[in-house]
Amino acid sequence: MHQRIAKYIFRSIPVVLIGMLFSCENDVEKVRELTAFDDAPLESAYDLELMITDSGRARVKMITPQMDYYLKETPIRECPKGLLVIFYDSLQQEESRLTANYGIFYEDQDLVEVEDSVVFINKRGEILNTEQLIWNRDSGKVYTDKFVKITRNDAVIHGHNGMEANETFTKWRIKKVKDSNIHYDEAELLNDSLETDQNENP
């Protein structure tokens, strides 16, 4: 039963789930207004493990204990009990993983929003902590305007105005570094490197 439901969900979620989100916050708010749904979902699926592939290669795996489908002005898939998303590189090695206690997919907008104890870890061991992250499936970028904390090596970097990154969190830029435990000259060099990443279209 679960396998049939999972296949249906897989068909319904475009393969462009591989790519993800970097849209205006206003767009997300507009979608929210259009998608005020009733309490009861149209259908629900449980204990899902979805593998998204490209040319036969694993690209993204998503695991969630529950996914609810709502259909009103626009289709929405909600993960009220959290989700785990694993990204793979071209060699099908794990490149990064994202966890959150809540997720919602705005299918018509190709937007994914995760909230509540969001943790994003890349292959270098850098850790992003925030309470909201938005993912643009078309552009393959993620962003937030919320407070973020990024831990890399022995440095803890705070950003009160959010950050932006590519979908695998291997390139990222904090909008304004604040309250870091790194020296001023190190912060300056760090900002230079982050700006370079941004110019390389993360």
N, C-alpha and C. Protein backbone atom coordinates (compact mmCIF):
# COMPACT_ATOMS: atom_id res chain seq x y z
N MET A 1 0.84 -1.22 0.00
CA MET A 1 0.00 0.00 0.00
C MET A 1 0.86 1.24 0.00
N HIS A 2 1.86 1.28 0.92
CA HIS A 2 2.73 2.44 1.01
C HIS A 2 3.53 2.62 -0.26
N GLN A 3 3.93 1.47 -0.87
CA GLN A 3 4.71 1.57 -2.09
C GLN A 3 3.91 2.21 -3.20
N ARG A 4 2.61 1.86 -3.31
CA ARG A 4 1.76 2.45 -4.35
C ARG A 4 1.59 3.93 -4.09
N ILE A 5 1.39 4.31 -2.84
CA ILE A 5 1.23 5.73 -2.51
C ILE A 5 2.51 6.48 -2.82
N ALA A 6 3.66 5.87 -2.46
CA ALA A 6 4.93 6.54 -2.70
C ALA A 6 5.15 6.78 -4.18
N LYS A 7 4.78 5.80 -5.02
CA LYS A 7 4.93 5.98 -6.46
C LYS A 7 4.05 7.11 -6.96
N TYR A 8 2.85 7.22 -6.41
CA TYR A 8 1.96 8.31 -6.81
C TYR A 8 2.53 9.66 -6.40
N ILE A 9 3.05 9.71 -5.17
CA ILE A 9 3.66 10.95 -4.71
C ILE A 9 4.84 11.30 -5.61
N PHE A 10 5.65 10.30 -5.96
CA PHE A 10 6.82 10.53 -6.79
C PHE A 10 6.43 11.11 -8.13
N ARG A 11 5.34 10.60 -8.71
CA ARG A 11 4.90 11.13 -9.99
C ARG A 11 4.39 12.54 -9.83
N SER A 12 3.80 12.82 -8.69
CA SER A 12 3.18 14.13 -8.49
C SER A 12 4.21 15.20 -8.19
N ILE A 13 5.31 14.83 -7.53
CA ILE A 13 6.35 15.80 -7.25
C ILE A 13 7.29 15.83 -8.43
N PRO A 14 7.41 16.92 -9.15
CA PRO A 14 8.23 16.96 -10.35
C PRO A 14 9.67 16.59 -10.04
N VAL A 15 10.35 16.02 -11.05
CA VAL A 15 11.74 15.66 -10.86
C VAL A 15 12.58 16.90 -10.62
N VAL A 16 12.03 18.06 -10.95
CA VAL A 16 12.77 19.29 -10.67
C VAL A 16 12.90 19.52 -9.18
N LEU A 17 12.44 18.57 -8.37
CA LEU A 17 12.73 18.63 -6.94
C LEU A 17 14.24 18.65 -6.73
N ILE A 18 14.99 18.17 -7.76
CA ILE A 18 16.44 18.20 -7.70
C ILE A 18 16.92 19.64 -7.56
N GLY A 19 16.27 20.53 -8.31
CA GLY A 19 16.63 21.92 -8.20
C GLY A 19 15.77 22.57 -7.16
N MET A 20 16.12 23.78 -6.61
CA MET A 20 15.14 24.30 -5.67
C MET A 20 15.22 25.80 -5.48
N LEU A 21 15.05 26.49 -4.49
CA LEU A 21 14.39 27.74 -4.41
C LEU A 21 15.17 29.01 -4.05
N PHE A 22 14.91 30.02 -4.80
CA PHE A 22 15.47 31.33 -4.45
C PHE A 22 14.53 32.38 -4.99
N SER A 23 13.33 32.51 -4.40
CA SER A 23 12.33 33.45 -4.87
C SER A 23 12.11 34.51 -3.81
N CYS A 24 11.38 35.55 -4.15
CA CYS A 24 11.13 36.62 -3.19
C CYS A 24 10.26 36.13 -2.05
N GLU A 25 10.50 36.67 -0.87
CA GLU A 25 9.69 36.28 0.28
C GLU A 25 8.24 36.66 0.03
N ASN A 26 8.03 37.74 -0.73
CA ASN A 26 6.68 38.16 -1.05
C ASN A 26 5.94 37.08 -1.83
N ASP A 27 6.68 36.36 -2.71
CA ASP A 27 6.06 35.28 -3.48
C ASP A 27 5.55 34.19 -2.55
N VAL A 28 6.35 33.85 -1.55
CA VAL A 28 5.94 32.82 -0.60
C VAL A 28 4.71 33.27 0.17
N GLU A 29 4.71 34.53 0.61
CA GLU A 29 3.56 35.03 1.35
C GLU A 29 2.31 35.02 0.47
N LYS A 30 2.47 35.34 -0.81
CA LYS A 30 1.33 35.33 -1.73
C LYS A 30 0.78 33.92 -1.89
N VAL A 31 1.69 32.96 -2.01
CA VAL A 31 1.25 31.56 -2.14
C VAL A 31 0.52 31.13 -0.89
N ARG A 32 1.03 31.54 0.27
CA ARG A 32 0.37 31.17 1.53
C ARG A 32 -1.06 31.69 1.57
N GLU A 33 -1.25 32.91 1.08
CA GLU A 33 -2.60 33.49 1.08
C GLU A 33 -3.53 32.70 0.18
N LEU A 34 -2.99 32.21 -0.93
CA LEU A 34 -3.81 31.48 -1.88
C LEU A 34 -4.10 30.06 -1.42
N THR A 35 -3.33 29.59 -0.45
CA THR A 35 -3.40 28.17 -0.11
C THR A 35 -3.86 27.95 1.32
N ALA A 36 -4.72 28.78 1.81
CA ALA A 36 -5.31 28.56 3.13
C ALA A 36 -6.24 27.36 3.01
N PHE A 37 -5.75 26.19 3.45
CA PHE A 37 -6.49 24.95 3.20
C PHE A 37 -7.28 24.51 4.42
N ASP A 38 -8.24 23.64 4.17
CA ASP A 38 -9.04 23.06 5.24
C ASP A 38 -8.16 22.18 6.12
N ASP A 39 -8.67 21.83 7.28
CA ASP A 39 -7.90 21.02 8.21
C ASP A 39 -7.61 19.62 7.68
N ALA A 40 -8.55 19.04 7.00
CA ALA A 40 -8.41 17.66 6.55
C ALA A 40 -7.72 17.59 5.19
N PRO A 41 -6.62 16.82 5.07
CA PRO A 41 -5.97 16.68 3.76
C PRO A 41 -6.80 15.82 2.82
N LEU A 42 -6.59 16.01 1.53
CA LEU A 42 -7.26 15.20 0.52
C LEU A 42 -6.77 13.75 0.59
N GLU A 43 -5.49 13.59 0.86
CA GLU A 43 -4.92 12.25 1.05
C GLU A 43 -3.64 12.37 1.86
N SER A 44 -3.23 11.27 2.46
CA SER A 44 -2.01 11.24 3.28
C SER A 44 -1.23 9.98 2.96
N ALA A 45 0.08 10.08 3.07
CA ALA A 45 0.96 8.92 2.90
C ALA A 45 1.94 8.91 4.07
N TYR A 46 2.37 7.71 4.45
CA TYR A 46 3.19 7.57 5.65
C TYR A 46 4.47 6.79 5.37
N ASP A 47 5.50 7.13 6.15
CA ASP A 47 6.80 6.44 6.07
C ASP A 47 7.31 6.40 4.64
N LEU A 48 7.45 7.56 4.04
CA LEU A 48 7.87 7.67 2.66
C LEU A 48 9.38 7.80 2.54
N GLU A 49 9.93 7.15 1.54
CA GLU A 49 11.33 7.32 1.16
C GLU A 49 11.35 7.46 -0.36
N LEU A 50 11.59 8.68 -0.83
CA LEU A 50 11.53 8.98 -2.26
C LEU A 50 12.93 9.22 -2.79
N MET A 51 13.29 8.55 -3.88
CA MET A 51 14.58 8.75 -4.51
C MET A 51 14.36 9.47 -5.83
N ILE A 52 14.97 10.62 -5.99
CA ILE A 52 14.88 11.37 -7.22
C ILE A 52 16.16 11.12 -8.01
N THR A 53 16.03 10.73 -9.28
CA THR A 53 17.18 10.39 -10.09
C THR A 53 17.26 11.28 -11.33
N ASP A 54 18.44 11.34 -11.89
CA ASP A 54 18.67 12.06 -13.13
C ASP A 54 19.54 11.18 -14.01
N SER A 55 18.98 10.74 -15.14
CA SER A 55 19.70 9.84 -16.05
C SER A 55 20.17 8.59 -15.33
N GLY A 56 19.32 8.09 -14.44
CA GLY A 56 19.62 6.86 -13.72
C GLY A 56 20.50 7.03 -12.51
N ARG A 57 20.94 8.26 -12.23
CA ARG A 57 21.80 8.50 -11.08
C ARG A 57 21.01 9.14 -9.94
N ALA A 58 21.29 8.67 -8.73
CA ALA A 58 20.63 9.24 -7.56
C ALA A 58 21.07 10.69 -7.39
N ARG A 59 20.12 11.58 -7.21
CA ARG A 59 20.43 12.99 -6.99
C ARG A 59 19.92 13.49 -5.64
N VAL A 60 18.69 13.10 -5.30
CA VAL A 60 18.09 13.56 -4.05
C VAL A 60 17.27 12.42 -3.44
N LYS A 61 17.41 12.24 -2.14
CA LYS A 61 16.53 11.32 -1.41
C LYS A 61 15.79 12.11 -0.36
N MET A 62 14.48 11.89 -0.27
CA MET A 62 13.69 12.54 0.76
C MET A 62 13.00 11.49 1.61
N ILE A 63 13.11 11.63 2.92
CA ILE A 63 12.49 10.71 3.86
C ILE A 63 11.59 11.52 4.79
N THR A 64 10.36 11.09 4.94
CA THR A 64 9.43 11.79 5.83
C THR A 64 8.45 10.79 6.43
N PRO A 65 8.09 10.94 7.69
CA PRO A 65 7.13 10.02 8.29
C PRO A 65 5.70 10.26 7.82
N GLN A 66 5.42 11.45 7.30
CA GLN A 66 4.05 11.74 6.86
C GLN A 66 4.05 12.86 5.83
N MET A 67 3.28 12.66 4.76
CA MET A 67 3.08 13.71 3.77
C MET A 67 1.59 13.82 3.48
N ASP A 68 1.04 15.03 3.64
CA ASP A 68 -0.38 15.29 3.41
C ASP A 68 -0.55 16.14 2.15
N TYR A 69 -1.55 15.79 1.37
CA TYR A 69 -1.82 16.50 0.13
C TYR A 69 -3.09 17.31 0.26
N TYR A 70 -3.00 18.61 -0.08
CA TYR A 70 -4.14 19.51 -0.06
C TYR A 70 -4.31 20.11 -1.45
N LEU A 71 -5.56 20.29 -1.86
CA LEU A 71 -5.83 20.88 -3.16
C LEU A 71 -6.93 21.91 -3.01
N LYS A 72 -6.57 23.17 -3.20
CA LYS A 72 -7.55 24.23 -3.20
C LYS A 72 -7.25 25.09 -4.42
N GLU A 73 -6.79 26.34 -4.22
CA GLU A 73 -6.40 27.13 -5.38
C GLU A 73 -5.14 26.58 -6.04
N THR A 74 -4.27 25.97 -5.24
CA THR A 74 -3.03 25.40 -5.77
C THR A 74 -2.67 24.17 -4.95
N PRO A 75 -2.06 23.16 -5.55
CA PRO A 75 -1.72 21.94 -4.80
C PRO A 75 -0.56 22.17 -3.83
N ILE A 76 -0.70 21.57 -2.66
CA ILE A 76 0.32 21.68 -1.60
C ILE A 76 0.56 20.31 -0.99
N ARG A 77 1.82 20.03 -0.71
CA ARG A 77 2.18 18.82 0.02
C ARG A 77 2.90 19.26 1.29
N GLU A 78 2.40 18.78 2.41
CA GLU A 78 2.90 19.21 3.71
C GLU A 78 3.51 18.03 4.45
N CYS A 79 4.65 18.27 5.10
CA CYS A 79 5.29 17.26 5.94
C CYS A 79 5.21 17.76 7.39
N PRO A 80 4.12 17.48 8.08
CA PRO A 80 3.92 18.05 9.41
C PRO A 80 4.81 17.45 10.49
N LYS A 81 5.40 16.31 10.21
CA LYS A 81 6.25 15.64 11.20
C LYS A 81 7.72 15.70 10.83
N GLY A 82 8.06 16.59 9.93
CA GLY A 82 9.46 16.78 9.58
C GLY A 82 9.90 15.99 8.37
N LEU A 83 11.14 16.23 7.95
CA LEU A 83 11.68 15.55 6.79
C LEU A 83 13.20 15.59 6.82
N LEU A 84 13.77 14.66 6.08
CA LEU A 84 15.21 14.59 5.84
C LEU A 84 15.42 14.58 4.34
N VAL A 85 16.29 15.47 3.85
CA VAL A 85 16.62 15.51 2.42
C VAL A 85 18.12 15.30 2.28
N ILE A 86 18.52 14.33 1.47
CA ILE A 86 19.93 14.03 1.24
C ILE A 86 20.24 14.34 -0.23
N PHE A 87 21.30 15.13 -0.44
CA PHE A 87 21.73 15.49 -1.79
C PHE A 87 22.97 14.69 -2.15
N TYR A 88 23.04 14.25 -3.41
CA TYR A 88 24.18 13.47 -3.88
C TYR A 88 24.92 14.22 -4.99
N ASP A 89 26.23 13.99 -5.07
CA ASP A 89 27.01 14.62 -6.14
C ASP A 89 26.99 13.75 -7.38
N SER A 90 27.76 14.13 -8.40
CA SER A 90 27.76 13.41 -9.68
C SER A 90 28.29 11.99 -9.55
N LEU A 91 29.04 11.72 -8.47
CA LEU A 91 29.55 10.36 -8.21
C LEU A 91 28.62 9.58 -7.30
N GLN A 92 27.47 10.17 -7.01
CA GLN A 92 26.45 9.58 -6.15
C GLN A 92 26.93 9.40 -4.71
N GLN A 93 27.86 10.27 -4.32
CA GLN A 93 28.28 10.33 -2.94
C GLN A 93 27.47 11.41 -2.23
N GLU A 94 27.17 11.19 -0.95
CA GLU A 94 26.40 12.19 -0.23
C GLU A 94 27.15 13.51 -0.17
N GLU A 95 26.49 14.59 -0.59
CA GLU A 95 27.10 15.91 -0.62
C GLU A 95 26.63 16.78 0.54
N SER A 96 25.38 16.62 0.94
CA SER A 96 24.86 17.38 2.06
C SER A 96 23.53 16.77 2.49
N ARG A 97 23.08 17.18 3.69
CA ARG A 97 21.77 16.73 4.16
C ARG A 97 21.09 17.84 4.93
N LEU A 98 19.79 17.88 4.75
CA LEU A 98 18.95 18.92 5.36
C LEU A 98 17.88 18.25 6.20
N THR A 99 17.70 18.72 7.43
CA THR A 99 16.62 18.22 8.28
C THR A 99 15.83 19.41 8.81
N ALA A 100 14.54 19.18 9.06
CA ALA A 100 13.67 20.20 9.64
C ALA A 100 12.47 19.51 10.25
N ASN A 101 11.82 20.17 11.18
CA ASN A 101 10.65 19.60 11.84
C ASN A 101 9.36 19.83 11.07
N TYR A 102 9.44 20.62 9.99
CA TYR A 102 8.24 20.91 9.20
C TYR A 102 8.67 21.27 7.78
N GLY A 103 7.89 20.82 6.81
CA GLY A 103 8.17 21.18 5.43
C GLY A 103 6.89 21.31 4.63
N ILE A 104 6.91 22.19 3.64
CA ILE A 104 5.74 22.37 2.78
C ILE A 104 6.21 22.61 1.35
N PHE A 105 5.56 21.95 0.39
CA PHE A 105 5.90 22.04 -1.02
C PHE A 105 4.78 22.78 -1.75
N TYR A 106 5.13 23.91 -2.35
CA TYR A 106 4.18 24.65 -3.19
C TYR A 106 4.44 24.23 -4.63
N GLU A 107 3.68 23.24 -5.10
CA GLU A 107 4.02 22.60 -6.36
C GLU A 107 3.95 23.54 -7.56
N ASP A 108 2.90 24.36 -7.64
CA ASP A 108 2.75 25.24 -8.79
C ASP A 108 3.82 26.32 -8.84
N GLN A 109 4.41 26.63 -7.70
CA GLN A 109 5.42 27.67 -7.62
C GLN A 109 6.84 27.11 -7.60
N ASP A 110 6.97 25.78 -7.55
CA ASP A 110 8.27 25.15 -7.43
C ASP A 110 9.04 25.66 -6.22
N LEU A 111 8.34 25.86 -5.13
CA LEU A 111 8.94 26.34 -3.90
C LEU A 111 8.82 25.29 -2.81
N VAL A 112 9.85 25.21 -2.01
CA VAL A 112 9.84 24.36 -0.82
C VAL A 112 10.27 25.22 0.36
N GLU A 113 9.52 25.14 1.43
CA GLU A 113 9.85 25.90 2.64
C GLU A 113 9.95 24.93 3.81
N VAL A 114 11.05 25.01 4.53
CA VAL A 114 11.22 24.18 5.72
C VAL A 114 11.37 25.11 6.92
N GLU A 115 10.85 24.66 8.05
CA GLU A 115 10.84 25.49 9.25
C GLU A 115 11.08 24.64 10.49
N ASP A 116 11.43 25.33 11.57
CA ASP A 116 11.53 24.72 12.90
C ASP A 116 12.77 23.82 13.01
N SER A 117 13.79 24.35 13.64
CA SER A 117 15.04 23.61 13.88
C SER A 117 15.64 23.07 12.59
N VAL A 118 15.84 23.97 11.64
CA VAL A 118 16.43 23.60 10.35
C VAL A 118 17.93 23.43 10.53
N VAL A 119 18.45 22.30 10.05
CA VAL A 119 19.88 22.03 10.10
C VAL A 119 20.33 21.56 8.72
N PHE A 120 21.35 22.20 8.18
CA PHE A 120 21.88 21.87 6.86
C PHE A 120 23.38 21.62 7.02
N ILE A 121 23.84 20.44 6.67
CA ILE A 121 25.25 20.06 6.84
C ILE A 121 25.82 19.67 5.49
N ASN A 122 26.96 20.25 5.11
CA ASN A 122 27.57 19.89 3.84
C ASN A 122 28.74 18.93 4.03
N LYS A 123 29.35 18.52 2.93
CA LYS A 123 30.39 17.50 2.98
C LYS A 123 31.66 17.97 3.68
N ARG A 124 31.83 19.28 3.82
CA ARG A 124 33.00 19.81 4.54
C ARG A 124 32.75 19.87 6.04
N GLY A 125 31.54 19.51 6.46
CA GLY A 125 31.23 19.54 7.88
C GLY A 125 30.74 20.88 8.36
N GLU A 126 30.48 21.82 7.45
CA GLU A 126 29.92 23.11 7.82
C GLU A 126 28.45 22.92 8.16
N ILE A 127 28.00 23.57 9.22
CA ILE A 127 26.64 23.36 9.72
C ILE A 127 25.89 24.68 9.74
N LEU A 128 24.74 24.69 9.09
CA LEU A 128 23.85 25.84 9.11
C LEU A 128 22.69 25.54 10.05
N ASN A 129 22.42 26.46 10.98
CA ASN A 129 21.25 26.38 11.85
C ASN A 129 20.39 27.62 11.64
N THR A 130 19.09 27.41 11.42
CA THR A 130 18.17 28.52 11.28
C THR A 130 16.76 28.00 11.56
N GLU A 131 15.78 28.89 11.56
CA GLU A 131 14.41 28.49 11.81
C GLU A 131 13.56 28.47 10.55
N GLN A 132 14.12 28.92 9.44
CA GLN A 132 13.38 28.89 8.17
C GLN A 132 14.36 28.88 7.02
N LEU A 133 14.05 28.10 6.01
CA LEU A 133 14.86 28.07 4.81
C LEU A 133 13.93 27.85 3.63
N ILE A 134 14.13 28.63 2.59
CA ILE A 134 13.31 28.51 1.39
C ILE A 134 14.19 28.01 0.25
N TRP A 135 13.63 27.15 -0.56
CA TRP A 135 14.37 26.43 -1.57
C TRP A 135 13.67 26.60 -2.91
N ASN A 136 14.36 27.12 -3.92
CA ASN A 136 13.80 27.31 -5.26
C ASN A 136 14.22 26.16 -6.14
N ARG A 137 13.28 25.36 -6.55
CA ARG A 137 13.60 24.16 -7.30
C ARG A 137 14.06 24.48 -8.71
N ASP A 138 13.67 25.61 -9.25
CA ASP A 138 14.10 25.98 -10.60
C ASP A 138 15.54 26.49 -10.61
N SER A 139 15.86 27.39 -9.70
CA SER A 139 17.19 27.99 -9.70
C SER A 139 18.23 27.15 -8.96
N GLY A 140 17.77 26.22 -8.14
CA GLY A 140 18.70 25.41 -7.36
C GLY A 140 19.39 26.20 -6.26
N LYS A 141 18.67 27.18 -5.68
CA LYS A 141 19.25 28.00 -4.63
C LYS A 141 18.35 27.98 -3.40
N VAL A 142 18.96 28.27 -2.26
CA VAL A 142 18.21 28.38 -1.02
C VAL A 142 18.52 29.72 -0.38
N TYR A 143 17.60 30.21 0.44
CA TYR A 143 17.84 31.47 1.12
C TYR A 143 16.96 31.57 2.35
N THR A 144 17.31 32.51 3.21
CA THR A 144 16.47 32.89 4.33
C THR A 144 16.82 34.31 4.72
N ASP A 145 15.85 35.01 5.25
CA ASP A 145 16.08 36.33 5.83
C ASP A 145 16.10 36.27 7.35
N LYS A 146 15.99 35.05 7.90
CA LYS A 146 15.99 34.86 9.34
C LYS A 146 17.43 34.79 9.88
N PHE A 147 17.54 34.84 11.17
CA PHE A 147 18.84 34.70 11.82
C PHE A 147 19.44 33.33 11.47
N VAL A 148 20.74 33.31 11.18
CA VAL A 148 21.43 32.06 10.88
C VAL A 148 22.69 31.95 11.71
N LYS A 149 23.09 30.72 11.95
CA LYS A 149 24.38 30.44 12.57
C LYS A 149 25.07 29.39 11.71
N ILE A 150 26.28 29.68 11.29
CA ILE A 150 27.06 28.71 10.52
C ILE A 150 28.31 28.38 11.31
N THR A 151 28.52 27.10 11.51
CA THR A 151 29.70 26.62 12.21
C THR A 151 30.63 25.97 11.20
N ARG A 152 31.86 26.47 11.14
CA ARG A 152 32.86 25.89 10.23
C ARG A 152 34.20 25.82 10.97
N ASN A 153 34.75 24.63 11.03
CA ASN A 153 35.97 24.40 11.79
C ASN A 153 35.76 24.91 13.22
N ASP A 154 36.60 25.84 13.67
CA ASP A 154 36.47 26.37 15.02
C ASP A 154 35.73 27.70 15.05
N ALA A 155 35.21 28.14 13.92
CA ALA A 155 34.55 29.44 13.85
C ALA A 155 33.04 29.28 13.90
N VAL A 156 32.38 30.20 14.62
CA VAL A 156 30.92 30.28 14.63
C VAL A 156 30.56 31.65 14.08
N ILE A 157 29.79 31.66 13.00
CA ILE A 157 29.48 32.90 12.29
C ILE A 157 27.98 33.14 12.39
N HIS A 158 27.59 34.33 12.83
CA HIS A 158 26.18 34.69 12.96
C HIS A 158 25.79 35.67 11.87
N GLY A 159 24.61 35.49 11.34
CA GLY A 159 24.07 36.43 10.37
C GLY A 159 22.66 36.81 10.76
N HIS A 160 22.44 38.07 11.11
CA HIS A 160 21.12 38.51 11.56
C HIS A 160 20.19 38.85 10.40
N ASN A 161 20.75 38.96 9.20
CA ASN A 161 19.95 39.29 8.02
C ASN A 161 19.85 38.13 7.04
N GLY A 162 20.16 36.94 7.51
CA GLY A 162 19.98 35.76 6.67
C GLY A 162 21.18 35.42 5.82
N MET A 163 20.96 34.52 4.85
CA MET A 163 22.02 34.04 3.98
C MET A 163 21.41 33.48 2.70
N GLU A 164 22.27 33.15 1.76
CA GLU A 164 21.84 32.48 0.54
C GLU A 164 22.91 31.47 0.15
N ALA A 165 22.51 30.44 -0.58
CA ALA A 165 23.44 29.36 -0.91
C ALA A 165 22.93 28.59 -2.12
N ASN A 166 23.80 27.71 -2.63
CA ASN A 166 23.29 26.77 -3.63
C ASN A 166 22.54 25.66 -2.90
N GLU A 167 21.87 24.81 -3.66
CA GLU A 167 20.96 23.85 -3.03
C GLU A 167 21.66 22.81 -2.18
N THR A 168 22.94 22.57 -2.41
CA THR A 168 23.65 21.57 -1.61
C THR A 168 24.44 22.20 -0.47
N PHE A 169 24.34 23.52 -0.32
CA PHE A 169 25.01 24.23 0.75
C PHE A 169 26.53 24.05 0.68
N THR A 170 27.05 23.89 -0.52
CA THR A 170 28.50 23.81 -0.69
C THR A 170 29.08 25.17 -1.05
N LYS A 171 28.24 26.11 -1.47
CA LYS A 171 28.62 27.51 -1.66
C LYS A 171 27.57 28.35 -0.95
N TRP A 172 28.02 29.31 -0.16
CA TRP A 172 27.06 30.09 0.62
C TRP A 172 27.61 31.47 0.92
N ARG A 173 26.70 32.37 1.25
CA ARG A 173 27.07 33.74 1.58
C ARG A 173 26.15 34.27 2.66
N ILE A 174 26.72 34.71 3.77
CA ILE A 174 25.94 35.38 4.80
C ILE A 174 25.80 36.85 4.39
N LYS A 175 24.61 37.38 4.49
CA LYS A 175 24.37 38.74 4.02
C LYS A 175 25.14 39.77 4.83
N LYS A 176 25.22 39.58 6.14
CA LYS A 176 25.98 40.49 6.98
C LYS A 176 26.48 39.73 8.20
N VAL A 177 27.79 39.55 8.28
CA VAL A 177 28.37 38.81 9.39
C VAL A 177 28.31 39.65 10.65
N LYS A 178 27.83 39.04 11.76
CA LYS A 178 27.77 39.73 13.04
C LYS A 178 28.10 38.76 14.17
N ASP A 179 28.66 39.32 15.22
CA ASP A 179 28.87 38.59 16.47
C ASP A 179 29.58 37.26 16.26
N SER A 180 30.62 37.26 15.44
CA SER A 180 31.37 36.03 15.21
C SER A 180 32.49 35.89 16.23
N ASN A 181 32.95 34.68 16.42
CA ASN A 181 34.07 34.47 17.35
C ASN A 181 35.38 34.37 16.55
N ILE A 182 35.44 35.04 15.38
CA ILE A 182 36.66 35.08 14.59
C ILE A 182 37.18 36.50 14.60
N HIS A 183 38.47 36.66 14.35
CA HIS A 183 39.07 37.98 14.38
C HIS A 183 38.60 38.80 13.19
N TYR A 184 38.74 40.11 13.30
CA TYR A 184 38.25 41.02 12.27
C TYR A 184 38.86 40.71 10.91
N ASP A 185 40.21 40.51 10.86
CA ASP A 185 40.84 40.26 9.57
C ASP A 185 40.37 38.94 8.97
N GLU A 186 40.11 37.94 9.83
CA GLU A 186 39.59 36.67 9.35
C GLU A 186 38.19 36.84 8.79
N ALA A 187 37.37 37.66 9.47
CA ALA A 187 36.02 37.90 9.00
C ALA A 187 36.04 38.59 7.64
N GLU A 188 37.00 39.51 7.47
CA GLU A 188 37.09 40.23 6.20
C GLU A 188 37.44 39.27 5.07
N LEU A 189 38.40 38.38 5.33
CA LEU A 189 38.76 37.39 4.33
C LEU A 189 37.61 36.44 4.06
N LEU A 190 36.90 36.07 5.11
CA LEU A 190 35.75 35.18 4.97
C LEU A 190 34.70 35.81 4.09
N ASN A 191 34.39 37.08 4.32
CA ASN A 191 33.41 37.76 3.50
C ASN A 191 33.85 37.82 2.05
N ASP A 192 35.16 38.03 1.81
CA ASP A 192 35.65 38.05 0.44
C ASP A 192 35.39 36.72 -0.24
N SER A 193 35.65 35.62 0.46
CA SER A 193 35.46 34.31 -0.14
C SER A 193 33.98 34.03 -0.40
N LEU A 194 33.12 34.49 0.51
CA LEU A 194 31.70 34.27 0.33
C LEU A 194 31.18 35.07 -0.86
N GLU A 195 31.68 36.30 -1.04
CA GLU A 195 31.28 37.09 -2.18
C GLU A 195 31.71 36.40 -3.47
N THR A 196 32.89 35.80 -3.46
CA THR A 196 33.35 35.07 -4.64
C THR A 196 32.42 33.92 -4.96
N ASP A 197 32.01 33.19 -3.91
CA ASP A 197 31.06 32.10 -4.14
C ASP A 197 29.78 32.62 -4.78
N GLN A 198 29.29 33.74 -4.31
CA GLN A 198 28.05 34.27 -4.86
C GLN A 198 28.22 34.62 -6.33
N ASN A 199 29.37 35.21 -6.69
CA ASN A 199 29.60 35.59 -8.07
C ASN A 199 29.71 34.38 -8.98
N GLU A 200 30.02 33.23 -8.38
CA GLU A 200 30.09 32.01 -9.16
C GLU A 200 28.75 31.34 -9.30
N ASN A 201 27.68 32.05 -8.95
CA ASN A 201 26.31 31.53 -9.08
C ASN A 201 26.09 30.27 -8.29
N PRO A 202 26.06 30.35 -6.96
CA PRO A 202 25.90 29.15 -6.12
C PRO A 202 24.61 28.43 -6.42
